[in-house]
Protein backbone atom coordinates (compact mmCIF):
# COMPACT_ATOMS: atom_id res chain seq x y z
CA UNK A 1 45.62 -19.87 -36.28
CA UNK A 2 45.20 -16.19 -36.98
CA UNK A 3 41.45 -15.77 -36.94
CA UNK A 4 38.55 -17.46 -35.25
CA UNK A 5 34.87 -16.91 -35.87
CA UNK A 6 32.66 -17.20 -32.81
CA UNK A 7 29.37 -16.17 -34.41
CA UNK A 8 27.70 -13.67 -32.18
CA UNK A 9 24.26 -12.29 -32.94
CA UNK A 10 24.93 -8.65 -33.60
CA UNK A 11 22.46 -5.85 -33.79
CA UNK A 12 22.52 -2.07 -33.59
CA UNK A 13 21.50 1.06 -35.36
CA UNK A 14 24.86 2.39 -36.53
CA UNK A 15 26.71 -0.73 -35.52
CA UNK A 16 26.00 -3.73 -33.38
CA UNK A 17 26.77 -4.38 -29.90
CA UNK A 18 28.14 -5.79 -25.88
CA UNK A 19 25.07 -3.53 -17.45
CA UNK A 20 22.88 -4.07 -12.75
CA UNK A 21 23.63 -0.50 -11.54
CA UNK A 22 24.35 2.59 -13.45
CA UNK A 23 27.94 1.95 -12.94
CA UNK A 24 29.76 -1.06 -12.77
CA UNK A 25 31.26 -5.55 -15.18
CA UNK A 26 31.07 -8.34 -17.25
CA UNK A 27 33.77 -9.02 -19.31
CA UNK A 28 31.16 -8.19 -17.87
CA UNK A 29 30.27 -4.81 -16.96
CA UNK A 30 27.56 -4.21 -14.46
CA UNK A 31 25.50 -2.28 -16.61
CA UNK A 32 23.79 0.29 -14.96
CA UNK A 33 26.21 -2.48 -12.59
CA UNK A 34 27.86 -5.71 -16.34
CA UNK A 35 31.85 -11.12 -20.00
CA UNK A 36 31.92 -13.27 -22.03
CA UNK A 37 34.23 -18.66 -26.49
CA UNK A 38 35.72 -21.60 -27.00
CA UNK A 39 39.07 -22.79 -28.13
CA UNK A 40 39.68 -23.58 -31.72
CA UNK A 41 37.22 -26.37 -32.26
CA UNK A 42 34.43 -24.93 -30.18
CA UNK A 43 32.28 -21.95 -31.00
CA UNK A 44 28.93 -20.49 -30.06
CA UNK A 45 25.99 -21.55 -32.21
CA UNK A 46 25.58 -19.85 -35.53
CA UNK A 47 23.76 -16.56 -35.45
CA UNK A 48 20.22 -16.47 -36.68
CA UNK A 49 21.25 -13.70 -39.03
CA UNK A 50 24.55 -12.80 -40.60
CA UNK A 51 26.79 -10.77 -38.29
CA UNK A 52 26.60 -7.10 -39.16
CA UNK A 53 29.77 -5.25 -39.95
CA UNK A 54 30.67 -2.44 -37.57
CA UNK A 55 29.29 0.75 -38.99
CA UNK A 56 31.21 3.97 -38.65
CA UNK A 57 30.58 7.46 -39.83
CA UNK A 58 31.88 7.63 -43.44
CA UNK A 59 35.56 8.48 -43.74
CA UNK A 60 37.11 9.99 -46.88
CA UNK A 61 40.52 11.49 -46.16
CA UNK A 62 40.61 11.99 -42.40
CA UNK A 63 42.02 15.25 -41.11
CA UNK A 64 44.65 15.01 -38.43
CA UNK A 65 44.42 17.08 -35.28
CA UNK A 66 41.74 18.49 -33.06
CA UNK A 67 40.52 18.04 -29.52
CA UNK A 68 37.47 15.87 -28.84
CA UNK A 69 35.37 16.39 -25.70
CA UNK A 70 33.33 13.42 -24.47
CA UNK A 71 30.40 14.28 -22.19
CA UNK A 72 30.26 11.42 -19.70
CA UNK A 73 27.40 10.61 -17.35
CA UNK A 74 29.68 10.12 -14.38
CA UNK A 75 33.30 10.01 -13.33
CA UNK A 76 35.19 6.71 -13.62
CA UNK A 77 36.25 4.91 -10.47
CA UNK A 78 39.78 4.02 -11.52
CA UNK A 79 42.00 3.22 -14.49
CA UNK A 80 43.19 -0.15 -13.11
CA UNK A 81 41.11 -2.70 -15.00
CA UNK A 82 42.47 -5.53 -12.86
CA UNK A 83 40.73 -4.11 -9.80
CA UNK A 84 37.91 -1.99 -11.22
CA UNK A 85 34.57 -2.96 -12.71
CA UNK A 86 32.86 0.27 -13.69
CA UNK A 87 31.54 0.67 -17.22
CA UNK A 88 32.67 4.29 -17.03
CA UNK A 89 36.28 3.22 -16.45
CA UNK A 90 36.17 1.37 -19.76
CA UNK A 91 34.97 4.43 -21.69
CA UNK A 92 38.48 5.79 -21.05
CA UNK A 93 40.67 2.71 -20.79
CA UNK A 94 39.80 1.38 -24.27
CA UNK A 95 42.05 4.16 -25.60
CA UNK A 96 44.89 3.57 -23.12
CA UNK A 97 45.14 -0.22 -23.24
CA UNK A 98 45.20 -2.82 -26.03
CA UNK A 99 44.14 -6.47 -25.75
CA UNK A 100 45.79 -9.63 -27.06
CA UNK A 101 42.88 -10.26 -29.45
CA UNK A 102 40.10 -8.11 -30.88
CA UNK A 103 36.51 -9.29 -31.12
CA UNK A 104 35.37 -7.74 -34.40
CA UNK A 105 31.66 -8.44 -34.72
CA UNK A 106 32.01 -12.07 -33.76
CA UNK A 107 35.41 -12.78 -35.29
CA UNK A 108 38.52 -12.95 -33.14
CA UNK A 109 41.42 -11.26 -34.90
CA UNK A 110 45.06 -10.68 -33.89
CA UNK A 111 46.03 -7.59 -31.94
CA UNK A 112 48.90 -7.73 -29.47
CA UNK A 113 48.96 -11.47 -30.10
CA UNK A 114 49.65 -12.23 -33.77
CA UNK A 115 48.63 -15.90 -33.56
CA UNK A 116 47.48 -18.52 -31.08
CA UNK A 117 46.92 -22.25 -30.71
CA UNK A 118 44.71 -24.25 -28.38
CA UNK A 119 45.18 -27.86 -27.33
CA UNK A 120 42.49 -30.36 -28.26
CA UNK A 121 41.45 -30.75 -24.61
CA UNK A 122 41.05 -27.00 -24.15
CA UNK A 123 43.51 -26.89 -21.27
CA UNK A 124 46.48 -25.16 -22.93
CA UNK A 125 46.80 -22.05 -25.10
CA UNK A 126 49.97 -20.75 -26.71
CA UNK A 127 50.25 -17.18 -27.99
CA UNK A 128 52.81 -15.66 -30.36
CA UNK A 129 53.04 -11.96 -29.59
CA UNK A 130 53.55 -8.94 -31.80
CA UNK A 131 57.07 -7.52 -31.91
CA UNK A 132 58.02 -3.85 -31.72
CA UNK A 133 55.24 -2.84 -29.34
CA UNK A 134 56.07 -0.47 -26.49
CA UNK A 135 54.19 0.78 -23.46
CA UNK A 136 53.71 4.51 -23.00
CA UNK A 137 56.66 4.56 -20.54
CA UNK A 138 58.89 3.14 -23.31
CA UNK A 139 59.19 -0.29 -21.70
CA UNK A 140 58.75 -3.27 -24.05
CA UNK A 141 55.60 -5.31 -24.46
CA UNK A 142 56.54 -8.99 -24.32
CA UNK A 143 55.56 -12.36 -22.89
CA UNK A 144 56.76 -11.40 -19.42
CA UNK A 145 54.44 -8.38 -19.48
CA UNK A 146 51.46 -10.61 -20.25
CA UNK A 147 52.45 -13.05 -17.50
CA UNK A 148 52.86 -10.19 -15.03
CA UNK A 149 49.34 -8.98 -15.83
CA UNK A 150 47.75 -12.39 -15.36
CA UNK A 151 49.74 -13.13 -12.22
CA UNK A 152 48.66 -9.81 -10.72
CA UNK A 153 45.00 -10.53 -11.49
CA UNK A 154 45.25 -13.94 -9.80
CA UNK A 155 47.04 -12.50 -6.77
CA UNK A 156 44.48 -12.27 -3.92
CA UNK A 157 46.03 -8.97 -2.84
CA UNK A 158 44.73 -7.38 -6.05
CA UNK A 159 41.18 -8.17 -4.93
CA UNK A 160 40.04 -8.46 -8.51
CA UNK A 161 36.25 -8.76 -8.57
CA UNK A 162 35.89 -9.25 -12.33
CA UNK A 163 39.12 -9.89 -14.20
CA UNK A 164 39.91 -12.92 -12.05
CA UNK A 165 36.54 -14.43 -12.96
CA UNK A 166 37.25 -13.87 -16.64
CA UNK A 167 40.56 -15.73 -16.42
CA UNK A 168 38.63 -18.62 -14.90
CA UNK A 169 40.47 -21.80 -13.81
CA UNK A 170 43.88 -20.55 -14.97
CA UNK A 171 46.60 -22.63 -13.30
CA UNK A 172 49.71 -20.88 -14.57
CA UNK A 173 51.25 -18.93 -17.40
CA UNK A 174 54.72 -19.70 -18.70
CA UNK A 175 57.11 -17.52 -20.72
CA UNK A 176 58.48 -19.70 -23.53
CA UNK A 177 60.55 -16.95 -25.09
CA UNK A 178 60.38 -13.17 -25.31
CA UNK A 179 57.36 -13.23 -27.64
CA UNK A 180 55.72 -16.57 -26.74
CA UNK A 181 53.56 -17.33 -23.73
CA UNK A 182 51.66 -20.48 -22.78
CA UNK A 183 48.80 -20.75 -20.31
CA UNK A 184 47.39 -23.85 -18.64
CA UNK A 185 43.98 -24.39 -17.08
CA UNK A 186 42.81 -26.89 -14.50
CA UNK A 187 39.67 -27.50 -16.57
CA UNK A 188 38.44 -26.33 -19.97
CA UNK A 189 37.59 -22.63 -20.20
CA UNK A 190 35.59 -22.25 -23.43
CA UNK A 191 35.21 -18.47 -23.03
CA UNK A 192 38.89 -17.69 -22.54
CA UNK A 193 39.65 -16.34 -26.03
CA UNK A 194 36.61 -14.10 -26.08
CA UNK A 195 37.42 -12.87 -22.58
CA UNK A 196 40.96 -11.83 -23.42
CA UNK A 197 39.61 -9.98 -26.46
CA UNK A 198 37.49 -7.77 -24.21
CA UNK A 199 38.55 -4.42 -22.72
CA UNK A 200 38.34 -6.06 -19.32
CA UNK A 201 41.49 -8.16 -19.83
CA UNK A 202 43.57 -5.63 -21.75
CA UNK A 203 47.28 -5.38 -20.94
CA UNK A 204 48.61 -2.86 -18.43
CA UNK A 205 52.23 -1.71 -18.07
CA UNK A 206 54.02 -3.90 -15.49
CA UNK A 207 56.74 -1.33 -14.76
CA UNK A 208 54.14 1.34 -14.08
CA UNK A 209 52.09 -0.98 -11.86
CA UNK A 210 55.24 -1.64 -9.84
CA UNK A 211 56.27 2.02 -9.77
CA UNK A 212 52.96 3.51 -8.68
CA UNK A 213 51.63 0.70 -6.50
CA UNK A 214 48.26 1.67 -5.03
CA UNK A 215 48.39 4.94 -6.98
CA UNK A 216 48.33 3.11 -10.32
CA UNK A 217 44.56 3.51 -10.32
CA UNK A 218 45.15 7.13 -11.43
CA UNK A 219 48.40 6.65 -13.30
CA UNK A 220 47.61 4.16 -16.06
CA UNK A 221 50.17 3.07 -18.64
CA UNK A 222 49.31 0.93 -21.64
CA UNK A 223 50.21 0.40 -25.29
CA UNK A 224 47.11 2.06 -26.74
CA UNK A 225 46.61 4.92 -29.22
CA UNK A 226 46.23 7.54 -26.47
CA UNK A 227 48.40 8.33 -23.45
CA UNK A 228 47.00 9.30 -20.07
CA UNK A 229 47.92 12.90 -19.15
CA UNK A 230 45.78 14.11 -16.27
CA UNK A 231 42.77 13.52 -14.04
CA UNK A 232 41.08 16.45 -12.29
CA UNK A 233 38.66 14.98 -9.78
CA UNK A 234 34.97 15.60 -10.58
CA UNK A 235 35.99 17.52 -13.71
CA UNK A 236 37.99 15.85 -16.48
CA UNK A 237 40.37 13.13 -17.64
CA UNK A 238 42.67 14.08 -20.51
CA UNK A 239 44.38 11.74 -22.97
CA UNK A 240 46.84 12.71 -25.70
CA UNK A 241 47.71 10.92 -28.93
CA UNK A 242 50.43 8.28 -28.80
CA UNK A 243 52.74 9.37 -31.65
CA UNK A 244 54.39 5.93 -31.81
CA UNK A 245 51.22 3.87 -32.17
CA UNK A 246 51.44 1.38 -35.07
CA UNK A 247 49.67 -1.81 -33.96
CA UNK A 248 45.88 -1.62 -34.32
CA UNK A 249 43.86 -4.85 -34.57
CA UNK A 250 44.61 -6.77 -37.77
CA UNK A 251 42.25 -6.11 -40.66
CA UNK A 252 39.87 -3.94 -38.63
CA UNK A 253 40.96 -0.36 -39.33
CA UNK A 254 42.11 1.61 -42.36
CA UNK A 255 44.44 3.60 -40.17
CA UNK A 256 47.60 1.67 -39.27
CA UNK A 257 49.41 4.45 -37.39
CA UNK A 258 48.73 7.06 -34.72
CA UNK A 259 45.19 8.25 -34.07
CA UNK A 260 43.96 11.32 -35.94
CA UNK A 261 42.80 13.29 -32.89
CA UNK A 262 45.38 15.18 -30.84
CA UNK A 263 43.51 14.92 -27.58
CA UNK A 264 40.44 13.43 -25.89
CA UNK A 265 38.93 15.17 -22.87
CA UNK A 266 36.39 13.25 -20.81
CA UNK A 267 34.17 15.78 -19.06
CA UNK A 268 31.91 14.54 -16.28
CA UNK A 269 28.40 15.97 -16.67
CA UNK A 270 25.90 13.88 -14.68
CA UNK A 271 22.83 16.06 -15.32
CA UNK A 272 21.10 15.02 -18.55
CA UNK A 273 19.89 18.53 -19.40
CA UNK A 274 23.29 20.10 -18.84
CA UNK A 275 25.04 17.41 -20.88
CA UNK A 276 22.66 17.74 -23.84
CA UNK A 277 22.83 21.54 -23.72
CA UNK A 278 26.63 21.35 -23.85
CA UNK A 279 26.39 19.22 -26.98
CA UNK A 280 23.94 21.60 -28.64
CA UNK A 281 26.24 24.56 -27.87
CA UNK A 282 29.28 22.72 -29.25
CA UNK A 283 31.11 22.57 -25.91
CA UNK A 284 31.29 18.79 -26.21
CA UNK A 285 31.25 16.55 -29.29
CA UNK A 286 29.30 13.62 -27.87
CA UNK A 287 26.71 13.19 -25.14
CA UNK A 288 26.69 9.78 -23.53
CA UNK A 289 23.41 8.10 -22.63
CA UNK A 290 20.81 10.29 -24.29
CA UNK A 291 17.52 10.02 -22.37
CA UNK A 292 14.92 8.08 -24.40
CA UNK A 293 12.57 11.05 -24.59
CA UNK A 294 15.31 13.16 -26.22
CA UNK A 295 16.39 10.69 -28.90
CA UNK A 296 13.83 11.67 -31.55
CA UNK A 297 14.85 15.32 -31.33
CA UNK A 298 18.49 14.56 -32.06
CA UNK A 299 17.54 12.12 -34.82
CA UNK A 300 15.61 14.85 -36.60
CA UNK A 301 18.36 17.46 -36.17
CA UNK A 302 20.78 17.53 -39.11
CA UNK A 303 23.56 18.82 -36.84
CA UNK A 304 23.81 15.51 -35.02
CA UNK A 305 24.04 11.77 -35.52
CA UNK A 306 22.62 9.23 -33.10
CA UNK A 307 24.39 5.96 -32.30
CA UNK A 308 22.06 3.34 -30.84
CA UNK A 309 23.57 -0.02 -30.02
CA UNK A 310 21.83 -3.02 -28.45
CA UNK A 311 24.03 -4.48 -25.74
CA UNK A 312 24.58 -8.15 -24.91
CA UNK A 313 24.09 -9.38 -21.39
CA UNK A 314 20.98 -9.71 -19.29
CA UNK A 315 19.15 -6.75 -20.73
CA UNK A 316 17.13 -4.77 -18.21
CA UNK A 317 15.68 -7.43 -15.93
CA UNK A 318 14.00 -7.57 -12.57
CA UNK A 319 15.07 -10.33 -10.19
CA UNK A 320 12.27 -11.82 -8.10
CA UNK A 321 13.24 -12.78 -4.56
CA UNK A 322 12.11 -16.40 -4.11
CA UNK A 323 12.93 -16.33 -0.41
CA UNK A 324 10.85 -13.34 0.80
CA UNK A 325 7.07 -13.41 1.23
CA UNK A 326 4.91 -13.14 -0.76
CA UNK A 327 7.21 -13.93 -3.72
CA UNK A 328 8.41 -17.08 -1.98
CA UNK A 329 5.13 -18.47 -3.39
CA UNK A 330 5.69 -19.68 -6.97
CA UNK A 331 2.12 -18.69 -7.88
CA UNK A 332 2.82 -15.05 -7.01
CA UNK A 333 5.99 -15.09 -9.08
CA UNK A 334 4.18 -16.62 -12.06
CA UNK A 335 1.42 -14.03 -11.73
CA UNK A 336 4.07 -11.30 -12.04
CA UNK A 337 5.20 -12.79 -15.34
CA UNK A 338 1.65 -12.89 -16.70
CA UNK A 339 1.49 -9.19 -15.78
CA UNK A 340 4.71 -8.43 -17.65
CA UNK A 341 4.31 -6.61 -20.98
CA UNK A 342 7.73 -5.82 -22.53
CA UNK A 343 6.19 -4.10 -25.56
CA UNK A 344 4.30 -1.66 -23.37
CA UNK A 345 7.33 -1.22 -21.07
CA UNK A 346 9.41 -0.26 -24.11
CA UNK A 347 6.81 2.35 -25.04
CA UNK A 348 6.10 3.77 -21.59
CA UNK A 349 9.51 3.49 -19.97
CA UNK A 350 11.82 3.96 -22.94
CA UNK A 351 9.84 5.80 -25.65
CA UNK A 352 10.42 2.81 -27.97
CA UNK A 353 14.19 3.37 -28.03
CA UNK A 354 14.90 0.03 -26.29
CA UNK A 355 13.68 -3.22 -27.85
CA UNK A 356 11.24 -5.43 -25.92
CA UNK A 357 12.96 -8.39 -24.22
CA UNK A 358 11.95 -11.71 -25.84
CA UNK A 359 14.16 -13.95 -23.73
CA UNK A 360 14.87 -14.54 -20.09
CA UNK A 361 18.49 -14.53 -18.90
CA UNK A 362 20.13 -13.34 -22.14
CA UNK A 363 19.74 -10.59 -24.68
CA UNK A 364 19.25 -11.63 -28.30
CA UNK A 365 22.66 -10.03 -28.91
CA UNK A 366 24.21 -13.02 -27.09
CA UNK A 367 25.13 -16.44 -28.41
CA UNK A 368 22.89 -19.21 -27.06
CA UNK A 369 19.92 -16.83 -26.79
CA UNK A 370 16.55 -18.59 -26.67
CA UNK A 371 13.27 -16.86 -27.47
CA UNK A 372 10.88 -17.80 -24.66
CA UNK A 373 8.50 -14.89 -25.11
CA UNK A 374 5.44 -17.14 -25.55
CA UNK A 375 5.71 -18.77 -22.12
CA UNK A 376 3.79 -16.02 -20.33
CA UNK A 377 1.53 -14.07 -22.69
CA UNK A 378 0.40 -10.84 -21.05
CA UNK A 379 -2.90 -11.51 -19.31
CA UNK A 380 -4.32 -9.86 -16.20
CA UNK A 381 -7.02 -12.52 -16.21
CA UNK A 382 -4.48 -15.36 -16.20
CA UNK A 383 -2.56 -13.69 -13.38
CA UNK A 384 -5.74 -13.37 -11.31
CA UNK A 385 -6.66 -17.00 -11.94
CA UNK A 386 -3.16 -18.15 -10.94
CA UNK A 387 -3.41 -16.24 -7.67
CA UNK A 388 -6.95 -17.43 -6.98
CA UNK A 389 -6.01 -21.07 -7.57
CA UNK A 390 -3.15 -20.70 -5.08
CA UNK A 391 -5.43 -19.32 -2.37
CA UNK A 392 -4.67 -15.61 -2.69
CA UNK A 393 -8.04 -13.94 -2.12
CA UNK A 394 -8.90 -10.26 -2.43
CA UNK A 395 -9.17 -8.41 0.88
CA UNK A 396 -11.45 -5.52 1.78
CA UNK A 397 -8.90 -3.05 0.39
CA UNK A 398 -8.58 -4.99 -2.86
CA UNK A 399 -5.11 -6.35 -1.98
CA UNK A 400 -4.92 -10.13 -1.96
CA UNK A 401 -4.22 -12.11 1.19
CA UNK A 402 -3.26 -15.67 2.07
CA UNK A 403 -2.84 -17.10 5.56
CA UNK A 404 -2.71 -13.58 7.00
CA UNK A 405 -0.05 -12.44 4.52
CA UNK A 406 -0.83 -9.42 2.34
CA UNK A 407 0.38 -9.39 -1.27
CA UNK A 408 2.52 -6.28 -0.74
CA UNK A 409 5.62 -6.14 -2.92
CA UNK A 410 8.77 -4.05 -2.49
CA UNK A 411 10.88 -3.02 -5.50
CA UNK A 412 14.48 -1.88 -4.96
CA UNK A 413 16.35 -0.26 -7.82
CA UNK A 414 18.56 2.62 -8.87
CA UNK A 415 17.15 6.11 -9.29
CA UNK A 416 16.51 6.24 -13.02
CA UNK A 417 13.71 7.95 -14.95
CA UNK A 418 13.39 4.93 -17.23
CA UNK A 419 13.02 2.34 -14.48
CA UNK A 420 10.88 4.67 -12.37
CA UNK A 421 8.44 5.03 -15.27
CA UNK A 422 8.58 1.28 -15.82
CA UNK A 423 7.88 0.38 -12.21
CA UNK A 424 5.09 2.96 -11.88
CA UNK A 425 3.46 1.44 -14.96
CA UNK A 426 3.96 -2.10 -13.59
CA UNK A 427 2.57 -1.05 -10.22
CA UNK A 428 -0.63 0.05 -11.94
CA UNK A 429 -0.92 -3.31 -13.68
CA UNK A 430 -0.20 -5.21 -10.45
CA UNK A 431 -3.02 -3.35 -8.71
CA UNK A 432 -5.50 -4.72 -11.25
CA UNK A 433 -4.60 -8.21 -10.05
CA UNK A 434 -4.75 -7.30 -6.36
CA UNK A 435 -1.04 -6.79 -5.75
CA UNK A 436 0.49 -3.63 -4.29
CA UNK A 437 3.96 -2.31 -5.13
CA UNK A 438 6.20 -0.01 -3.13
CA UNK A 439 9.02 1.57 -5.16
CA UNK A 440 12.30 2.14 -3.29
CA UNK A 441 15.24 3.74 -5.12
CA UNK A 442 18.72 3.57 -3.61
CA UNK A 443 22.23 4.26 -4.87
CA UNK A 444 25.80 3.28 -4.09
CA UNK A 445 26.50 0.77 -1.29
CA UNK A 446 22.94 1.03 0.04
CA UNK A 447 21.33 -0.73 -2.91
CA UNK A 448 23.89 -3.52 -2.96
CA UNK A 449 23.45 -4.15 0.76
CA UNK A 450 19.65 -4.19 0.48
CA UNK A 451 19.60 -6.56 -2.48
CA UNK A 452 22.14 -8.92 -0.94
CA UNK A 453 20.20 -9.05 2.32
CA UNK A 454 16.99 -9.73 0.42
CA UNK A 455 15.02 -6.66 1.47
CA UNK A 456 13.20 -6.73 -1.86
CA UNK A 457 10.61 -8.77 -3.67
CA UNK A 458 11.72 -7.34 -7.00
CA UNK A 459 15.21 -5.91 -7.71
CA UNK A 460 16.73 -4.27 -10.74
CA UNK A 461 19.69 -5.99 -12.42
CA UNK A 462 21.45 -5.17 -15.67
CA UNK A 463 24.79 -6.66 -16.66
CA UNK A 464 26.84 -6.53 -19.88
CA UNK A 465 28.61 -9.68 -21.06
CA UNK A 466 28.85 -11.73 -24.23
CA UNK A 467 29.38 -15.38 -23.40
CA UNK A 468 26.73 -16.92 -21.13
CA UNK A 469 29.14 -18.57 -18.70
CA UNK A 470 29.08 -15.26 -16.85
CA UNK A 471 25.59 -16.19 -15.72
CA UNK A 472 27.24 -18.30 -13.04
CA UNK A 473 28.43 -15.10 -11.36
CA UNK A 474 24.90 -13.72 -11.34
CA UNK A 475 22.69 -16.70 -10.47
CA UNK A 476 24.65 -19.46 -8.69
CA UNK A 477 23.54 -20.02 -5.11
CA UNK A 478 27.06 -19.31 -3.83
CA UNK A 479 26.49 -15.70 -4.93
CA UNK A 480 23.48 -15.22 -2.63
CA UNK A 481 24.26 -12.65 0.02
CA UNK A 482 27.75 -11.92 -1.29
CA UNK A 483 27.43 -11.34 -5.03
CA UNK A 484 24.77 -10.47 -7.56
CA UNK A 485 22.27 -13.29 -7.09
CA UNK A 486 19.29 -11.25 -5.99
CA UNK A 487 16.78 -14.05 -6.71
CA UNK A 488 17.84 -15.76 -3.46
CA UNK A 489 16.71 -19.01 -5.12
CA UNK A 490 18.59 -22.22 -4.36
CA UNK A 491 18.35 -25.31 -6.55
CA UNK A 492 21.00 -27.99 -7.02
CA UNK A 493 20.12 -28.75 -10.64
CA UNK A 494 20.26 -25.04 -11.45
CA UNK A 495 23.72 -24.72 -9.86
CA UNK A 496 24.99 -27.78 -11.73
CA UNK A 497 23.89 -26.32 -15.06
CA UNK A 498 25.62 -23.03 -14.31
CA UNK A 499 28.80 -24.86 -13.30
CA UNK A 500 28.80 -27.20 -16.30
CA UNK A 501 28.22 -24.37 -18.74
CA UNK A 502 31.52 -22.74 -17.79
CA UNK A 503 33.60 -25.74 -18.88
CA UNK A 504 31.58 -27.74 -21.42
CA UNK A 505 33.43 -27.81 -24.75
CA UNK A 506 30.86 -29.73 -26.83
CA UNK A 507 28.75 -27.17 -28.65
CA UNK A 508 25.55 -29.24 -28.67
CA UNK A 509 25.79 -30.00 -24.96
CA UNK A 510 26.59 -26.38 -24.16
CA UNK A 511 23.60 -25.20 -26.17
CA UNK A 512 21.34 -27.61 -24.27
CA UNK A 513 22.66 -26.33 -20.94
CA UNK A 514 21.92 -22.69 -21.67
CA UNK A 515 18.55 -23.41 -23.23
CA UNK A 516 17.53 -25.30 -20.09
CA UNK A 517 18.74 -22.46 -17.89
CA UNK A 518 16.75 -19.89 -19.84
CA UNK A 519 13.66 -22.08 -19.74
CA UNK A 520 14.03 -22.82 -16.04
CA UNK A 521 14.42 -19.14 -15.11
CA UNK A 522 10.89 -18.53 -16.38
CA UNK A 523 9.41 -21.83 -15.20
CA UNK A 524 10.53 -20.92 -11.69
CA UNK A 525 9.65 -17.27 -12.35
CA UNK A 526 12.75 -15.81 -10.73
CA UNK A 527 13.28 -13.02 -13.25
CA UNK A 528 11.15 -10.52 -15.16
CA UNK A 529 12.65 -9.61 -18.58
CA UNK A 530 11.61 -6.11 -19.66
CA UNK A 531 13.71 -4.58 -22.47
CA UNK A 532 17.14 -5.11 -23.98
CA UNK A 533 19.69 -2.60 -22.85
CA UNK A 534 20.87 -0.04 -25.40
CA UNK A 535 23.67 2.49 -25.44
CA UNK A 536 22.46 5.69 -27.09
CA UNK A 537 24.81 8.58 -27.80
CA UNK A 538 24.33 11.81 -29.72
CA UNK A 539 27.37 12.85 -31.72
CA UNK A 540 28.20 16.06 -33.53
CA UNK A 541 27.70 15.68 -37.28
CA UNK A 542 31.21 16.89 -38.14
CA UNK A 543 32.80 13.92 -36.34
CA UNK A 544 33.66 11.04 -38.66
CA UNK A 545 35.03 7.57 -37.99
CA UNK A 546 33.72 7.18 -34.44
CA UNK A 547 32.00 3.92 -33.58
CA UNK A 548 30.63 2.01 -30.66
CA UNK A 549 33.24 -0.51 -29.66
CA UNK A 550 32.73 -4.06 -30.95
CA UNK A 551 31.46 -6.28 -29.41
CA UNK A 552 30.19 -4.62 -26.30
CA UNK A 553 28.70 -1.61 -28.06
CA UNK A 554 29.00 0.29 -24.81
CA UNK A 555 32.06 2.43 -25.42
CA UNK A 556 32.78 5.14 -27.98
CA UNK A 557 35.95 4.14 -29.85
CA UNK A 558 37.81 7.15 -31.22
CA UNK A 559 40.96 5.63 -32.73
CA UNK A 560 39.86 6.53 -36.27
CA UNK A 561 37.73 9.54 -35.34
CA UNK A 562 38.43 12.85 -37.03
CA UNK A 563 36.78 16.20 -37.71
CA UNK A 564 35.51 17.28 -41.12
């Protein structure tokens, strides 16, 4: 089997796409924190529209040479994808590392693996690997290298927070010969092929990992089209072209050899104004994460092109804490959903650059997405009636009370102009229904500690992933207090659905599981969907062949990029 279609729903302005804090993983990538199909016989449900082909800037005869400067929002954490989770790591590592498969707009195609087979029970996969591939340190890529990567991820000493989850119930990998490897699972893992096609399970150089030990995080070695050269803390990371590269994903690129660019420099420019000014002056060729209010200006400027990609995953959602008063009352949680207006949030918070969220747990860029937008039509009157019926009466100050408890809500999120605008708008709407909202913005370890301890009534969460089995890592009760389940809601049926979804191979049964989960999330009112997450970059007009990386849509892929 050389190709496998998994039918993802793909959308995007120049191309389609694939985050809860402005940093971190799904193949998942925590989005502003963010994985995603099934073995041969199993695939996600057919998309509601035909998958869109990846769109790149038009390429005639690409010129070789030139140095490209990428203006990044923040510095990556590390280059070790086994241990790291940051979305900013992946902006760089997609050029250093290659994966076994490539997810090209919903179709799995060969990359470092030239073919693969899956057993009928979904427990065993056998991969035939590409010959002639070498790591940047001139050591050979082979079956042992793949085994070494997977063994390292599974080793508890690696402390892998994400990659180990993507490998799932992997029992063992076995080298059959130099270019053949077989893996066995303790139970079916329907997302395995999609997961190994993601940048989060790309292949690192075993000799380098052994050589550098703990220092590998800043000394990455892969097989990719660019070679790591230097990292100046708080300033830049520099990559140079791999002159020996000759193994891009099959059937995806026109270029079959080394990249066109000589060098990529990642420059860390956290201030939006400084980053955009650098682009306008020509000091950088792309500005990552253009603020929504600045998008129209770049779209109307003939010197630039704007890439806007809708990302799969949760979208921008707010988790409602079902264990903290007053949101431990289902009526209060339901009232918050009647007060939710994604269309207006898109306008006020995101200047209409991010699409209104029509689902619950999943973006419409994900397989198994269910449109549940009619469950809670926006209605202040309905919210008030729901609260009144549950005994929440307006006090002298206009804030509702019940049994001596005031309807005071605390929001905890990252400092972000978009979410600040959103929550200020929502706070105004809440006040009309007799609810008050305090906005608390934290960063780094502080926000994770607060959300895990349940100091919030409403908490921001955004995560990038493709396949919905990653929802288990976000919403299972065993993640309360230790992971990313900030709803603090416990329900045995809910947990069983999340568990069964990770191993169910029957497509109809799997569809039913994820539809019930999406429905239940709103019936129990434990999340507030606002908008889908988008990656928006402004790119110099003279750059051709750059695209947002399928399927995540999060990373700028420069393998075929060139200058006019």
